[in-house]
């Protein structure tokens, strides 16, 4: 994840991402916001609309982490604020 200049998975590309409104468990897909880049491993990008401004989102990334020969799945989060 290099879209925001932050490496959330320690050098590997995230496997999956979940985006939800900060402070709630509401998925980005249920907000009515318009996205120029829908939630995914490259982040999320909302487009402000006159009657529906973008909300702040938390993106939770699933990362593959090898420890020796064993693969672990870990989660890393990033909060994106609208301006």
Protein backbone atom coordinates (compact mmCIF):
# COMPACT_ATOMS: atom_id res chain seq x y z
CA UNK A 1 0.00 0.00 0.00
CA UNK A 2 1.93 2.96 -1.25
CA UNK A 3 -1.00 5.16 -2.37
CA UNK A 4 -0.74 7.34 0.76
CA UNK A 5 3.02 7.12 1.18
CA UNK A 6 2.62 4.61 3.99
CA UNK A 7 3.82 1.04 3.88
CA UNK A 8 1.15 -0.77 5.91
CA UNK A 9 2.34 -4.35 5.26
CA UNK A 10 6.09 -4.07 5.82
CA UNK A 11 7.14 -4.31 2.19
CA UNK A 12 4.44 -6.62 0.84
CA UNK A 13 1.23 -5.73 -0.95
CA UNK A 14 -1.92 -6.20 1.16
CA UNK A 15 -4.02 -9.29 0.37
CA UNK A 16 -7.35 -7.63 1.10
CA UNK A 17 -8.87 -4.44 2.54
CA UNK A 18 -12.00 -3.47 4.43
CA UNK A 19 -13.17 0.16 4.55
CA UNK A 20 -15.62 1.47 7.11
CA UNK A 21 -16.69 4.78 8.60
CA UNK A 22 -14.43 5.86 11.49
CA UNK A 23 -16.08 5.19 14.84
CA UNK A 24 -18.63 2.74 13.44
CA UNK A 25 -18.74 -0.59 11.68
CA UNK A 26 -20.63 0.80 8.67
CA UNK A 27 -18.96 -0.43 5.46
CA UNK A 28 -18.07 2.20 2.86
CA UNK A 29 -20.43 0.49 0.41
CA UNK A 30 -23.42 1.35 2.63
CA UNK A 31 -22.77 5.10 3.07
CA UNK A 32 -24.13 6.49 -0.19
CA UNK A 33 -20.78 8.21 -0.80
CA UNK A 34 -19.42 8.31 -4.36
CA UNK A 35 -15.95 6.83 -4.85
CA UNK A 36 -13.45 7.58 -7.59
CA UNK A 37 -11.50 4.61 -6.20
CA UNK A 38 -13.65 2.04 -4.37
CA UNK A 39 -12.28 0.27 -1.31
CA UNK A 40 -9.43 -2.09 -2.18
CA UNK A 41 -5.81 -2.92 -1.47
CA UNK A 42 -4.77 0.43 -2.98
CA UNK A 43 -6.95 2.35 -0.50
CA UNK A 44 -10.19 4.26 -1.01
CA UNK A 45 -10.89 7.66 -2.51
CA UNK A 46 -14.21 9.42 -2.00
CA UNK A 47 -15.53 12.24 -4.21
CA UNK A 48 -17.42 14.95 -2.31
CA UNK A 49 -20.96 15.53 -3.51
CA UNK A 50 -22.96 18.70 -2.72
CA UNK A 51 -25.61 16.89 -0.69
CA UNK A 52 -23.45 13.99 0.47
CA UNK A 53 -19.95 14.98 1.68
CA UNK A 54 -17.34 12.26 2.18
CA UNK A 55 -17.04 10.67 5.58
CA UNK A 56 -13.80 9.74 7.33
CA UNK A 57 -12.82 6.13 6.68
CA UNK A 58 -10.76 3.51 8.43
CA UNK A 59 -9.07 1.07 6.07
CA UNK A 60 -8.13 -2.30 7.53
CA UNK A 61 -5.55 -4.21 5.52
CA UNK A 62 -4.95 -7.95 5.62
CA UNK A 63 -1.22 -8.61 5.31
CA UNK A 64 0.72 -11.82 4.66
CA UNK A 65 3.63 -12.07 7.08
CA UNK A 66 6.19 -14.86 6.90
CA UNK A 67 7.87 -15.85 10.13
CA UNK A 68 10.43 -18.42 9.13
CA UNK A 69 8.60 -20.86 6.88
CA UNK A 70 5.18 -20.15 8.40
CA UNK A 71 2.68 -17.74 6.86
CA UNK A 72 0.60 -15.61 9.21
CA UNK A 73 -2.22 -13.24 8.30
CA UNK A 74 -2.14 -9.98 10.24
CA UNK A 75 -4.22 -6.82 10.09
CA UNK A 76 -3.04 -3.24 9.89
CA UNK A 77 -5.30 -0.16 9.97
CA UNK A 78 -5.09 3.34 8.55
CA UNK A 79 -7.53 6.21 9.17
CA UNK A 80 -8.26 8.53 6.25
CA UNK A 81 -9.80 11.90 7.07
CA UNK A 82 -11.74 14.01 4.58
CA UNK A 83 -9.58 17.14 4.42
